[in-house]
Protein backbone atom coordinates (compact mmCIF):
# COMPACT_ATOMS: atom_id res chain seq x y z
CA MET A 1 12.12 3.59 -19.32
CA THR A 2 9.76 0.41 -19.15
CA HIS A 3 6.83 0.47 -16.12
CA LYS A 4 8.90 -2.60 -14.59
CA ASN A 5 12.33 -0.49 -14.40
CA HIS A 6 10.55 2.41 -13.32
CA LYS A 7 9.05 0.67 -10.36
CA LYS A 8 12.87 -0.85 -9.51
CA PHE A 9 13.80 2.57 -10.11
CA ALA A 10 11.77 4.21 -7.58
CA LEU A 11 12.11 1.15 -4.85
CA CYS A 12 16.02 1.82 -5.09
CA PHE A 13 15.72 5.43 -4.89
CA ALA A 14 13.78 5.27 -1.72
CA GLY A 15 16.41 2.89 -0.26
CA LEU A 16 18.70 5.89 -1.05
CA VAL A 17 16.86 8.41 0.40
CA PHE A 18 16.59 6.76 3.50
CA ALA A 19 20.17 6.56 3.93
CA ALA A 20 21.01 9.77 3.00
CA THR A 21 18.56 11.14 5.23
CA LEU A 22 19.42 8.73 8.14
CA ALA A 23 19.72 11.48 10.96
CA SER A 24 21.04 11.71 16.77
CA CYS A 25 21.92 9.52 19.71
CA SER A 26 22.45 10.85 23.57
CA LYS A 27 25.74 12.51 23.11
CA ASP A 28 28.79 11.54 24.72
CA GLU A 29 30.90 13.96 26.81
CA GLY A 30 33.50 15.91 25.27
CA GLU A 31 33.76 17.14 21.74
CA LYS A 32 32.03 15.55 18.91
CA SER A 33 34.54 13.90 16.39
CA ARG A 34 33.13 13.83 12.59
CA ALA A 35 34.04 11.12 10.59
CA PRO A 36 36.36 12.64 7.37
CA ASP A 37 34.27 14.17 4.51
CA ALA A 38 30.75 13.13 6.40
CA PRO A 39 28.13 15.21 5.21
CA GLU A 40 26.32 17.54 7.66
CA PRO A 41 22.94 16.13 8.66
CA ARG A 42 20.52 17.62 6.29
CA ILE A 43 17.64 20.05 7.63
CA GLU A 44 14.11 18.98 6.40
CA SER A 45 12.97 22.60 6.12
CA ALA A 46 10.77 22.29 3.01
CA GLU A 47 8.27 19.67 5.42
CA ALA A 48 7.61 22.48 7.62
CA ASP A 49 4.98 23.81 5.19
CA ASP A 50 3.92 20.22 3.90
CA ASP A 51 0.52 20.27 4.17
CA ARG A 52 -0.15 16.62 3.20
CA GLU A 53 -2.55 13.81 5.52
CA ILE A 54 -0.72 10.66 5.36
CA CYS A 55 -3.65 7.41 6.91
CA LEU A 56 -2.30 4.52 8.38
CA THR A 57 -4.96 1.77 7.97
CA GLY A 58 -2.38 -0.55 10.62
CA ASP A 59 -0.06 -0.01 13.87
CA LEU A 60 3.26 0.81 13.89
CA ASP A 61 4.88 -1.92 15.67
CA PHE A 62 7.52 -0.44 16.24
CA LEU A 63 6.14 2.58 17.92
CA PRO A 64 3.88 3.14 21.49
CA GLY A 65 -0.14 3.53 20.92
CA ASP A 66 -2.22 3.65 17.59
CA GLN A 67 -1.87 5.34 14.47
CA VAL A 68 -4.51 3.87 12.68
CA GLY A 69 -5.63 7.01 11.39
CA CYS A 70 -4.77 9.97 9.14
CA HIS A 71 -1.41 11.86 10.10
CA SER A 72 -0.03 15.32 9.13
CA ILE A 73 3.58 15.31 8.22
CA GLN A 74 4.74 17.34 11.11
CA LYS A 75 3.73 14.59 13.13
CA ILE A 76 4.63 11.88 11.47
CA LYS A 77 8.26 13.82 11.00
CA GLY A 78 8.05 13.90 15.29
CA TRP A 79 8.39 9.79 14.84
CA ARG A 80 11.40 10.05 14.04
CA ARG A 81 12.19 11.35 17.48
CA ALA A 82 9.82 9.15 19.33
CA PRO A 83 11.49 5.73 21.23
CA LEU A 84 11.45 3.08 19.49
CA GLU A 85 10.05 -0.65 20.66
CA ASP A 86 10.50 -3.92 20.26
CA SER A 87 8.07 -7.13 19.80
CA ASP A 88 7.91 -6.90 23.74
CA ARG A 89 6.96 -3.19 23.98
CA GLY A 90 10.22 -2.64 25.69
CA VAL A 91 11.71 0.59 24.41
CA LEU A 92 14.74 -0.89 22.10
CA SER A 93 18.32 0.66 22.18
CA VAL A 94 21.42 0.36 19.62
CA SER A 95 25.10 0.77 21.26
CA MET A 96 27.11 2.49 18.25
CA THR A 97 31.36 2.80 19.09
CA HIS A 98 33.32 5.32 18.01
CA PRO A 99 34.31 5.88 14.60
CA THR A 100 38.47 5.90 15.75
CA ASP A 101 37.86 5.74 19.56
CA ARG A 102 36.88 2.87 21.02
CA THR A 103 38.27 4.27 25.25
CA ARG A 104 34.76 6.41 24.48
CA ASP A 105 31.93 5.51 25.86
CA PRO A 106 29.27 4.10 23.33
CA ALA A 107 26.59 5.89 21.92
CA LEU A 108 23.31 4.87 22.99
CA CYS A 109 20.59 5.48 20.38
CA ARG A 110 16.48 4.95 21.06
CA THR A 111 15.07 6.73 18.56
CA CYS A 112 15.54 7.27 14.37
CA ALA A 113 16.87 10.81 14.91
CA ASP A 114 19.34 9.19 17.49
CA TYR A 115 20.50 6.63 15.09
CA ARG A 116 20.96 9.22 11.84
CA GLU A 117 23.20 11.73 13.67
CA ARG A 118 25.85 9.23 14.79
CA LEU A 119 25.54 7.32 11.69
CA TYR A 120 26.66 10.55 10.09
CA ASP A 121 29.31 10.85 12.80
CA GLY A 122 30.74 7.61 12.05
CA TYR A 123 29.60 5.51 14.58
CA TYR A 124 28.53 2.34 13.75
CA ALA A 125 27.37 -0.76 15.32
CA MET A 126 30.33 -3.53 16.79
CA SER A 127 28.87 -5.95 18.24
CA GLY A 128 26.45 -9.12 17.04
CA ARG A 129 24.03 -7.92 19.21
CA ASP A 130 24.09 -4.62 17.86
CA ARG A 131 24.41 -5.36 14.67
CA ARG A 132 20.93 -7.31 15.07
CA ARG A 133 19.42 -4.52 16.30
CA GLU A 134 20.87 -1.94 14.19
CA ALA A 135 18.26 -3.69 11.45
CA PHE A 136 15.38 -3.63 13.41
CA PHE A 137 16.10 0.56 13.55
CA ILE A 138 17.10 0.22 9.76
CA ARG A 139 13.85 -1.54 8.84
CA ALA A 140 11.92 1.18 11.34
CA CYS A 141 13.30 4.19 10.31
CA GLY A 142 13.04 3.62 6.84
CA VAL A 143 9.39 3.28 7.06
CA ILE A 144 9.12 6.40 8.16
CA GLU A 145 11.08 8.28 5.82
CA MET A 146 8.87 6.29 3.17
CA LEU A 147 5.82 7.93 4.99
CA LEU A 148 7.33 11.36 4.92
CA ARG A 149 7.90 10.69 0.74
CA ALA A 150 4.57 9.66 -0.04
CA ALA A 151 1.75 10.44 -2.10
CA PRO A 152 -1.90 10.69 -0.99
CA GLY A 153 -4.58 9.66 -3.49
CA GLY A 154 -3.85 8.11 -6.70
CA VAL A 155 -5.07 5.82 -8.74
CA SER A 156 -6.04 2.52 -6.92
CA HIS A 157 -6.61 -1.16 -8.19
CA PHE A 158 -7.49 -2.45 -4.63
CA ASP A 159 -11.17 -2.52 -4.15
CA GLY A 160 -11.47 -2.12 -0.35
CA GLY A 161 -7.82 -3.48 0.34
CA VAL A 162 -6.28 -7.24 -0.49
CA GLU A 163 -8.76 -10.06 -0.74
CA GLU A 164 -8.14 -14.12 0.48
CA GLY A 165 -7.64 -14.91 -3.51
CA GLU A 166 -5.52 -11.90 -4.16
CA ILE A 167 -3.52 -13.51 -0.91
CA ALA A 168 -3.71 -16.97 -2.17
CA SER A 169 -2.06 -15.70 -5.56
CA ILE A 170 1.36 -14.93 -4.18
CA GLY A 171 1.69 -18.08 -3.52
CA ALA A 172 3.19 -20.05 -0.15
CA GLU A 173 6.50 -20.63 -1.65
CA ARG A 174 7.50 -16.96 -2.49
CA MET A 175 6.19 -15.70 1.26
CA LEU A 176 7.81 -18.38 3.06
CA GLN A 177 10.96 -17.10 1.69
CA LEU A 178 11.04 -13.84 3.27
CA GLY A 179 14.25 -13.07 5.12
CA ASP A 180 17.65 -14.32 5.08
CA ASP A 181 17.35 -17.08 7.52
CA PRO A 182 17.67 -20.56 5.83
CA ARG A 183 15.14 -22.33 8.72
CA LEU A 184 12.56 -20.29 6.29
CA ALA A 185 13.28 -22.22 3.07
CA SER A 186 9.99 -23.01 1.53
CA VAL A 187 8.52 -26.73 2.30
CA PRO A 188 5.86 -28.09 0.08
CA GLY A 189 2.37 -27.89 1.33
CA ASP A 190 -1.11 -26.19 0.15
CA PRO A 191 -1.34 -22.38 1.82
CA SER A 192 -4.12 -21.80 4.69
CA ILE A 193 -5.15 -18.69 4.61
CA GLU A 194 -7.45 -16.99 7.49
CA ARG A 195 -7.98 -13.26 7.34
CA ILE A 196 -7.65 -12.67 11.19
CA GLY A 197 -8.57 -8.60 11.28
CA ALA A 198 -9.36 -5.64 9.18
CA GLY A 199 -6.23 -6.23 6.83
CA ARG A 200 -4.65 -9.03 8.62
CA TRP A 201 -3.65 -12.18 6.98
CA ARG A 202 -2.42 -15.67 8.19
CA VAL A 203 -0.82 -17.66 5.89
CA ALA A 204 0.14 -21.41 6.98
CA ALA A 205 1.93 -23.82 4.43
CA GLY A 206 4.14 -27.15 5.90
CA GLY A 207 4.51 -26.13 9.44
CA GLN A 208 5.47 -22.67 9.45
CA THR A 209 3.42 -19.36 9.24
CA ILE A 210 3.46 -16.20 7.41
CA PHE A 211 1.34 -12.67 9.09
CA ILE A 212 0.56 -10.22 7.17
CA GLU A 213 -0.73 -6.48 7.79
CA GLU A 214 -1.65 -3.89 5.51
CA ILE A 215 -0.21 -0.50 7.05
CA ALA A 216 -1.60 2.29 4.56
CA GLU A 217 -2.42 2.13 1.03
CA LEU A 218 -0.08 5.74 -0.62
CA ASP A 219 1.40 5.89 -3.92
CA PHE A 220 5.03 4.99 -2.84
CA ASP A 221 7.00 5.12 -5.93
CA ALA A 222 5.44 8.51 -7.47
CA ASP A 223 3.98 6.58 -10.59
CA GLY A 224 0.51 7.77 -9.97
CA VAL A 225 -0.91 3.95 -8.53
CA THR A 226 -1.44 3.22 -4.79
CA GLU A 227 0.43 0.35 -3.58
CA ILE A 228 -0.31 -1.18 0.06
CA LEU A 229 2.39 -0.69 2.72
CA ALA A 230 2.20 -4.06 4.51
CA PHE A 231 4.56 -5.96 7.15
CA LEU A 232 5.73 -9.34 7.41
CA SER A 233 6.27 -11.71 10.04
CA ALA A 234 7.31 -15.04 9.44
CA GLY A 235 8.57 -18.41 11.28
CA PRO A 236 8.05 -21.98 11.84
CA VAL A 237 5.18 -22.41 14.10
CA LEU A 238 6.60 -24.19 17.27
CA ALA A 239 9.90 -21.66 17.00
CA THR A 240 9.75 -18.51 18.71
CA ALA A 241 12.08 -16.79 16.67
CA ARG A 242 10.87 -14.64 13.54
CA VAL A 243 11.72 -13.16 10.48
CA ASN A 244 10.37 -9.89 9.89
CA ASP A 245 9.94 -7.95 6.80
CA VAL A 246 8.46 -4.88 4.94
CA ALA A 247 7.30 -5.24 1.44
CA LEU A 248 4.60 -3.20 -1.11
CA LEU A 249 1.57 -5.60 -2.17
CA GLU A 250 1.40 -3.65 -5.70
CA LYS A 251 -1.56 -4.09 -8.77
CA ASP A 252 -0.82 -2.63 -12.36
CA SER A 253 -4.45 -2.64 -13.18
CA GLU A 254 -7.81 -3.92 -12.08
CA ASN A 255 -7.51 -7.47 -13.31
CA ALA A 256 -3.91 -7.56 -12.77
CA PRO A 257 -2.44 -10.27 -10.60
CA LEU A 258 -0.73 -9.11 -7.05
CA ARG A 259 2.70 -8.80 -6.52
CA LEU A 260 4.53 -8.83 -3.12
CA THR A 261 7.85 -6.64 -3.29
CA ALA A 262 9.88 -7.33 0.05
CA LEU A 263 11.93 -3.78 0.27
CA LYS A 264 15.32 -3.92 1.78
CA PHE A 265 16.69 -0.73 3.23
CA GLN A 266 20.16 0.63 3.59
CA GLU A 267 22.33 2.03 6.25
CA ASN A 268 24.88 3.28 4.32
């Protein structure tokens, strides 16, 4: 297996692990109905004795408080049961419909544990509004699962983080096409790159901007080399709507060009 294919396999595996471990929503009244052939929620007992510390250089935009610093696996595991927040710092929820009986009250999910349990039970987001909110849950819960499975240490080809020249090497055309919103299609124009804080960048080109925030430098794909987990937010300068993505910034050697790999998580 080539290094490139190993990377693809590892990233796909990370997404599948997330899909397989997505697990509780506010219980509705009455007996819980599990979808036919649905697997039982897995108990992550192996994490109890895990003494790893996972260090973050940036905050998680979907959790309250400050996450910069080092955290035990048990603490990160607890984030599965923390209420998720939207961009306005309000508590986010998604309404999930019963798999066979639409007359039942929907289950209201506010945490990754909520969402995971209902997903196992066969519940689903029915309305367009809830499907959009579900996408936020998929992204947030996927990041938590990635952190739980990341390895600290490893060989780093980043000397103190990403440099301005490396951000420029990615190219505005590729970055401004992140997400599925057709309004973010790239347009001509040389990018303007600005460092707006430690591990935080603003790239502008053709009336569009993308913000890049480095979250953690860890080994996310078990190849012994660290990658940088980053949050990206892209959108037209004069618009309020933005597309948010999660990506890995990767370098195969000290002098290799920086690569950006956008991550797409699965909910089933």
